[in-house]
């Protein structure tokens, strides 16, 4: 049986698209791994900060806020964010304050919120309330439930081994047999260009970048649950409370080939050293470490729309570090474009997201 839509990729992009497209026709989603959200989606910092990113990304984030707050009871909880800086980083600090709409606070006020900050090193600080934790698992499962309730098939452990263009659409060869569909939605994360090449569609130049993370015990035994997410000025590291511990990232961006990423010990050590410069509690051990691939288009803006040479091939790609926070609006835009409806996003943003800009 020919499906209306074949979605390749079981991260938040693919699963949210499955939910939206399940209202338009029959959907099959295939994911190569044995469970959903194995790669970048399963390794997210899980923060909703709508002012973060290029203008089209910000537009998608703001358009997603209503869904994040209210759909299925909402997935957001208060977190807040803080930027901290040494005296030598004043220029980067001023830039961050302006671009992220932060409120400068005194070093003493910052230490009152995060008592492990070192007042002998901390020269500048700023804070904002407009950042929230996203319950990423709940968001993913809400979309998956919506898709399945409308008859969508979600097949894990199912890799596309070959993709063939036919007069009717596409045939993907998989270990579970061929899957035929009228339209192919490429939501394959770090593998989007590889999927395009397999389908005979021109690639667009996506680059996966590794981002490493370490989970450390709560510094000094403090209760970190009420701490904000903390960024260094210029984002040379960041830290976020996580279930009684602290996640620290060196904010690395190393270009990689698509693969199941792992953290580099030296990169983690260098990032943790930058974090330790700003705090009074040393890192004595790691509870865990991991890495993910954040995949960007050359202009670091998402790519959403039909391929200009073959409209039956639809790009939903380049989420970078914005996949969860933009997913409600990104998937809604994909469904609007596929259905031929007027998008809720403004026309300039739709054009800025279109794959034709990179073709």
Protein backbone atom coordinates (compact mmCIF):
# COMPACT_ATOMS: atom_id res chain seq x y z
CA UNK A 1 0.00 0.00 0.00
CA UNK A 2 1.38 3.37 -1.02
CA UNK A 3 1.60 5.87 1.82
CA UNK A 4 1.00 9.56 1.41
CA UNK A 5 4.10 10.45 3.43
CA UNK A 6 7.31 8.62 4.27
CA UNK A 7 9.30 10.42 6.99
CA UNK A 8 12.94 9.45 7.48
CA UNK A 9 14.19 10.30 10.96
CA UNK A 10 12.78 9.62 14.42
CA UNK A 11 14.04 12.68 16.29
CA UNK A 12 11.79 15.52 17.36
CA UNK A 13 11.66 16.91 13.80
CA UNK A 14 10.40 13.68 12.27
CA UNK A 15 8.02 12.76 15.10
CA UNK A 16 6.42 16.22 15.22
CA UNK A 17 6.04 16.13 11.42
CA UNK A 18 4.38 12.72 11.70
CA UNK A 19 1.85 14.18 14.12
CA UNK A 20 1.01 17.11 11.86
CA UNK A 21 0.94 15.13 8.61
CA UNK A 22 -1.20 12.37 10.14
CA UNK A 23 -4.12 14.81 9.79
CA UNK A 24 -3.47 15.07 6.05
CA UNK A 25 -3.02 11.44 5.00
CA UNK A 26 -1.29 8.14 5.70
CA UNK A 27 2.14 8.37 7.32
CA UNK A 28 5.01 5.97 7.87
CA UNK A 29 8.03 7.16 9.85
CA UNK A 30 11.22 5.10 9.85
CA UNK A 31 14.07 5.42 12.34
CA UNK A 32 17.30 3.47 11.94
CA UNK A 33 17.91 3.16 15.68
CA UNK A 34 15.93 0.89 17.98
CA UNK A 35 14.22 3.80 19.74
CA UNK A 36 13.17 7.34 18.94
CA UNK A 37 15.33 10.38 19.71
CA UNK A 38 18.54 8.35 19.89
CA UNK A 39 20.90 10.98 18.49
CA UNK A 40 20.68 14.80 18.80
CA UNK A 41 17.14 14.82 20.18
CA UNK A 42 18.12 12.53 23.02
CA UNK A 43 21.08 14.72 23.98
CA UNK A 44 19.50 18.14 24.10
CA UNK A 45 20.11 20.81 26.73
CA UNK A 46 16.30 21.06 26.80
CA UNK A 47 15.98 24.82 27.19
CA UNK A 48 13.35 27.08 25.64
CA UNK A 49 14.86 30.53 25.15
CA UNK A 50 13.00 32.11 22.23
CA UNK A 51 15.50 34.93 21.65
CA UNK A 52 18.31 32.49 20.87
CA UNK A 53 19.43 32.18 17.22
CA UNK A 54 19.12 33.95 13.88
CA UNK A 55 15.95 35.91 13.10
CA UNK A 56 14.09 33.06 11.31
CA UNK A 57 14.91 30.72 14.21
CA UNK A 58 13.61 33.28 16.70
CA UNK A 59 10.41 33.60 14.68
CA UNK A 60 9.88 29.83 14.82
CA UNK A 61 10.61 29.76 18.55
CA UNK A 62 8.10 32.49 19.33
CA UNK A 63 5.52 30.77 17.14
CA UNK A 64 6.12 27.57 19.15
CA UNK A 65 5.60 29.13 22.57
CA UNK A 66 1.83 28.72 22.73
CA UNK A 67 2.10 25.01 22.00
CA UNK A 68 4.88 24.52 24.52
CA UNK A 69 2.88 26.26 27.23
CA UNK A 70 -0.58 24.85 26.69
CA UNK A 71 -0.84 21.82 24.37
CA UNK A 72 -1.55 18.66 26.37
CA UNK A 73 -1.04 20.62 29.59
CA UNK A 74 2.27 22.17 28.52
CA UNK A 75 5.90 21.05 28.72
CA UNK A 76 7.64 24.11 30.22
CA UNK A 77 8.85 24.78 33.76
CA UNK A 78 10.69 27.86 35.08
CA UNK A 79 14.47 27.94 34.81
CA UNK A 80 15.83 31.38 34.00
CA UNK A 81 19.27 32.11 32.61
CA UNK A 82 22.41 33.91 33.72
CA UNK A 83 25.47 35.11 31.83
CA UNK A 84 28.70 35.50 33.78
CA UNK A 85 32.00 37.06 32.72
CA UNK A 86 35.52 37.85 33.79
CA UNK A 87 36.78 41.41 33.45
CA UNK A 88 38.60 40.49 30.23
CA UNK A 89 35.33 39.34 28.65
CA UNK A 90 33.42 42.62 28.97
CA UNK A 91 32.88 43.07 25.22
CA UNK A 92 31.38 39.59 24.83
CA UNK A 93 29.27 40.17 27.92
CA UNK A 94 27.83 43.43 26.54
CA UNK A 95 27.01 41.69 23.26
CA UNK A 96 25.19 38.86 25.05
CA UNK A 97 23.20 41.26 27.24
CA UNK A 98 21.99 43.16 24.18
CA UNK A 99 21.28 40.17 21.93
CA UNK A 100 19.52 38.06 24.57
CA UNK A 101 17.70 40.91 26.33
CA UNK A 102 19.28 40.28 29.73
CA UNK A 103 19.19 42.44 32.84
CA UNK A 104 22.63 43.27 34.29
CA UNK A 105 22.97 42.40 37.97
CA UNK A 106 25.83 42.86 40.40
CA UNK A 107 28.32 40.06 41.06
CA UNK A 108 26.96 39.88 44.60
CA UNK A 109 23.44 39.30 43.30
CA UNK A 110 24.75 36.58 40.98
CA UNK A 111 26.55 34.84 43.86
CA UNK A 112 23.37 35.02 45.93
CA UNK A 113 21.61 33.00 43.22
CA UNK A 114 24.52 30.65 42.45
CA UNK A 115 26.69 30.49 45.57
CA UNK A 116 29.56 28.56 43.95
CA UNK A 117 30.45 31.50 41.66
CA UNK A 118 33.81 32.96 42.58
CA UNK A 119 33.46 36.65 43.56
CA UNK A 120 37.19 37.16 43.08
CA UNK A 121 36.89 36.34 39.37
CA UNK A 122 33.32 37.32 38.52
CA UNK A 123 33.26 40.87 37.15
CA UNK A 124 29.95 40.99 35.25
CA UNK A 125 26.65 39.16 35.44
CA UNK A 126 23.21 39.40 33.89
CA UNK A 127 19.98 37.50 34.37
CA UNK A 128 16.62 36.96 32.69
CA UNK A 129 13.50 34.98 33.48
CA UNK A 130 12.66 34.25 29.84
CA UNK A 131 14.13 30.75 29.74
CA UNK A 132 12.31 27.55 30.62
CA UNK A 133 13.11 23.86 30.86
CA UNK A 134 11.41 21.73 28.21
CA UNK A 135 10.20 18.27 29.20
CA UNK A 136 11.61 16.88 25.97
CA UNK A 137 10.47 13.30 26.53
CA UNK A 138 6.91 14.46 27.19
CA UNK A 139 6.92 16.66 24.08
CA UNK A 140 8.21 13.80 21.93
CA UNK A 141 5.70 11.33 23.34
CA UNK A 142 2.82 13.81 22.90
CA UNK A 143 3.62 14.12 19.20
CA UNK A 144 4.11 10.35 18.81
CA UNK A 145 0.77 9.68 20.50
CA UNK A 146 -0.98 12.16 18.20
CA UNK A 147 0.59 10.55 15.13
CA UNK A 148 -0.33 7.02 16.17
CA UNK A 149 -3.87 8.00 17.13
CA UNK A 150 -4.36 9.10 13.53
CA UNK A 151 -3.03 5.83 12.14
CA UNK A 152 0.61 6.74 11.52
CA UNK A 153 3.13 3.90 11.59
CA UNK A 154 6.33 4.60 13.53
CA UNK A 155 8.93 1.94 12.75
CA UNK A 156 12.17 1.86 14.75
CA UNK A 157 15.15 -0.29 13.82
CA UNK A 158 14.27 0.42 10.20
CA UNK A 159 17.04 1.97 8.12
CA UNK A 160 16.52 3.23 4.58
CA UNK A 161 19.05 1.16 2.59
CA UNK A 162 18.14 2.58 -0.82
CA UNK A 163 15.67 5.15 -2.12
CA UNK A 164 14.25 5.07 -5.65
CA UNK A 165 12.23 7.72 -7.46
CA UNK A 166 9.16 6.39 -9.26
CA UNK A 167 6.42 7.97 -11.31
CA UNK A 168 4.16 7.82 -8.25
CA UNK A 169 6.69 9.03 -5.69
CA UNK A 170 9.33 7.08 -3.78
CA UNK A 171 10.25 3.56 -2.74
CA UNK A 172 12.56 3.07 0.23
CA UNK A 173 14.20 -0.32 0.63
CA UNK A 174 14.37 -1.29 4.31
CA UNK A 175 15.11 -4.47 6.31
CA UNK A 176 11.36 -4.76 6.84
CA UNK A 177 10.57 -4.57 3.15
CA UNK A 178 9.94 -1.77 0.65
CA UNK A 179 7.94 1.27 1.69
CA UNK A 180 6.23 3.29 -1.03
CA UNK A 181 5.07 6.87 -0.55
CA UNK A 182 3.88 9.82 -2.59
CA UNK A 183 6.13 12.28 -0.70
CA UNK A 184 9.40 11.80 1.17
CA UNK A 185 10.08 14.02 4.20
CA UNK A 186 13.78 14.21 5.01
CA UNK A 187 14.08 14.71 8.78
CA UNK A 188 17.21 12.60 9.19
CA UNK A 189 19.22 15.00 11.36
CA UNK A 190 22.95 14.65 10.75
CA UNK A 191 22.21 12.28 7.85
CA UNK A 192 19.95 14.61 5.81
CA UNK A 193 22.47 15.13 3.01
CA UNK A 194 23.17 11.40 2.90
CA UNK A 195 19.45 10.69 2.54
CA UNK A 196 19.21 13.27 -0.24
CA UNK A 197 22.13 11.74 -2.09
CA UNK A 198 20.58 8.29 -1.75
CA UNK A 199 17.38 9.67 -3.29
CA UNK A 200 19.23 11.32 -6.15
CA UNK A 201 18.48 14.83 -4.84
CA UNK A 202 21.21 17.48 -4.74
CA UNK A 203 22.66 17.95 -1.26
CA UNK A 204 22.55 21.37 0.44
CA UNK A 205 25.78 21.43 2.43
CA UNK A 206 24.75 20.54 5.98
CA UNK A 207 27.48 20.14 8.60
CA UNK A 208 27.11 18.16 11.84
CA UNK A 209 28.99 19.71 14.76
CA UNK A 210 29.83 17.76 17.92
CA UNK A 211 28.61 19.16 21.24
CA UNK A 212 29.99 17.43 24.37
CA UNK A 213 28.40 17.25 27.82
CA UNK A 214 29.50 16.17 31.30
CA UNK A 215 27.25 15.48 34.26
CA UNK A 216 28.90 16.31 37.58
CA UNK A 217 27.70 16.03 41.20
CA UNK A 218 26.04 19.12 42.63
CA UNK A 219 28.96 21.47 43.41
CA UNK A 220 29.68 21.65 47.13
CA UNK A 221 26.59 19.57 47.83
CA UNK A 222 24.34 22.56 47.08
CA UNK A 223 20.70 22.20 46.11
CA UNK A 224 21.01 23.26 42.45
CA UNK A 225 17.34 22.83 41.55
CA UNK A 226 16.61 26.57 41.67
CA UNK A 227 19.72 27.71 39.85
CA UNK A 228 19.34 29.27 36.41
CA UNK A 229 21.06 27.93 33.34
CA UNK A 230 24.48 29.62 33.34
CA UNK A 231 26.39 30.70 30.24
CA UNK A 232 29.85 32.18 30.10
CA UNK A 233 30.03 35.38 28.07
CA UNK A 234 30.55 34.36 24.45
CA UNK A 235 29.36 30.82 25.34
CA UNK A 236 32.69 29.13 25.94
CA UNK A 237 30.87 26.86 28.42
CA UNK A 238 27.44 26.51 30.00
CA UNK A 239 25.94 24.68 32.95
CA UNK A 240 22.40 23.56 33.72
CA UNK A 241 20.83 21.85 36.74
CA UNK A 242 19.68 18.31 36.00
CA UNK A 243 17.96 16.04 38.50
CA UNK A 244 20.06 17.10 41.48
CA UNK A 245 23.31 17.26 39.52
CA UNK A 246 24.84 19.75 37.07
CA UNK A 247 25.38 19.34 33.34
CA UNK A 248 28.42 21.26 32.09
CA UNK A 249 29.26 21.64 28.41
CA UNK A 250 32.39 23.12 26.82
CA UNK A 251 30.04 24.44 24.10
CA UNK A 252 32.30 22.83 21.52
CA UNK A 253 31.51 22.91 17.81
CA UNK A 254 33.75 20.48 15.98
CA UNK A 255 32.65 19.56 12.43
CA UNK A 256 32.15 15.81 12.09
CA UNK A 257 30.83 13.22 9.70
CA UNK A 258 27.43 11.74 10.67
CA UNK A 259 27.88 9.08 13.33
CA UNK A 260 26.82 8.12 16.85
CA UNK A 261 28.90 10.79 18.60
CA UNK A 262 30.83 10.46 21.84
CA UNK A 263 32.56 13.04 24.01
CA UNK A 264 36.24 13.77 23.55
CA UNK A 265 38.01 13.61 26.92
CA UNK A 266 40.41 16.47 26.14
CA UNK A 267 37.61 18.75 24.92
CA UNK A 268 35.64 18.02 28.10
CA UNK A 269 38.67 18.67 30.28
CA UNK A 270 39.32 22.02 28.60
CA UNK A 271 35.67 23.06 28.94
CA UNK A 272 35.50 22.00 32.58
CA UNK A 273 38.67 24.01 33.24
CA UNK A 274 36.96 27.12 31.80
CA UNK A 275 33.96 26.45 34.05
CA UNK A 276 36.24 25.94 37.09
CA UNK A 277 37.81 29.36 36.53
CA UNK A 278 34.48 30.94 37.49
CA UNK A 279 33.55 28.82 40.51
CA UNK A 280 34.90 27.98 43.93
CA UNK A 281 34.20 24.24 43.81
CA UNK A 282 36.51 22.06 41.68
CA UNK A 283 35.22 19.22 39.53
CA UNK A 284 36.44 16.06 41.22
CA UNK A 285 34.58 13.43 39.22
CA UNK A 286 32.11 12.90 36.39
CA UNK A 287 28.85 11.07 36.77
CA UNK A 288 28.53 10.64 33.00
CA UNK A 289 29.60 12.15 29.71
CA UNK A 290 28.19 12.10 26.19
CA UNK A 291 28.02 14.06 22.97
CA UNK A 292 25.56 14.82 20.21
CA UNK A 293 25.69 16.23 16.70
CA UNK A 294 24.03 19.59 16.09
CA UNK A 295 23.53 19.83 12.33
CA UNK A 296 23.42 23.23 10.63
CA UNK A 297 22.86 24.56 7.14
CA UNK A 298 25.61 26.94 5.94
CA UNK A 299 23.63 29.98 7.22
CA UNK A 300 22.65 28.24 10.51
CA UNK A 301 18.96 28.58 9.74
CA UNK A 302 16.55 25.63 9.51
CA UNK A 303 15.59 24.33 6.06
CA UNK A 304 11.86 23.70 5.69
CA UNK A 305 10.16 23.23 2.36
CA UNK A 306 9.95 21.22 -0.86
CA UNK A 307 13.11 20.74 -2.86
CA UNK A 308 13.08 23.28 -5.72
CA UNK A 309 13.94 20.57 -8.28
CA UNK A 310 11.61 17.86 -6.95
CA UNK A 311 8.66 19.03 -4.82
CA UNK A 312 7.92 15.43 -3.78
CA UNK A 313 11.11 15.58 -1.68
CA UNK A 314 10.53 17.75 1.40
CA UNK A 315 13.34 19.08 3.61
CA UNK A 316 12.85 19.38 7.38
CA UNK A 317 16.45 19.80 8.38
CA UNK A 318 19.23 21.86 9.94
CA UNK A 319 17.66 22.17 13.40
CA UNK A 320 21.10 22.66 14.97
CA UNK A 321 20.57 23.40 18.65
CA UNK A 322 17.00 24.61 18.14
CA UNK A 323 15.13 21.39 17.34
CA UNK A 324 12.93 21.02 20.41
CA UNK A 325 12.19 24.69 20.94
CA UNK A 326 11.14 25.24 17.29
CA UNK A 327 9.46 21.88 16.66
CA UNK A 328 5.81 22.92 17.13
CA UNK A 329 6.04 25.77 14.61
CA UNK A 330 8.47 24.00 12.27
CA UNK A 331 6.22 20.96 11.95
CA UNK A 332 3.12 23.15 11.57
CA UNK A 333 4.84 25.07 8.77
CA UNK A 334 5.78 21.82 7.05
CA UNK A 335 2.15 20.67 7.16
CA UNK A 336 0.90 24.04 5.91
CA UNK A 337 3.28 24.00 2.95
CA UNK A 338 2.46 20.41 2.06
CA UNK A 339 -1.29 21.02 2.36
CA UNK A 340 -1.10 24.23 0.31
CA UNK A 341 -2.44 26.30 3.21
CA UNK A 342 -1.45 29.83 4.11
CA UNK A 343 1.30 29.43 6.75
CA UNK A 344 0.84 31.10 10.11
CA UNK A 345 4.50 32.20 9.92
CA UNK A 346 5.08 35.44 7.98
CA UNK A 347 6.10 35.20 4.32
CA UNK A 348 9.59 36.61 4.85
CA UNK A 349 10.40 33.91 7.40
CA UNK A 350 8.95 31.20 5.16
CA UNK A 351 11.25 32.40 2.36
CA UNK A 352 14.25 32.51 4.71
CA UNK A 353 13.63 28.87 5.65
CA UNK A 354 13.03 27.59 2.11
CA UNK A 355 15.61 25.17 0.65
CA UNK A 356 15.78 27.19 -2.58
CA UNK A 357 18.04 29.70 -0.85
CA UNK A 358 20.77 27.05 -0.71
CA UNK A 359 20.17 25.27 -4.00
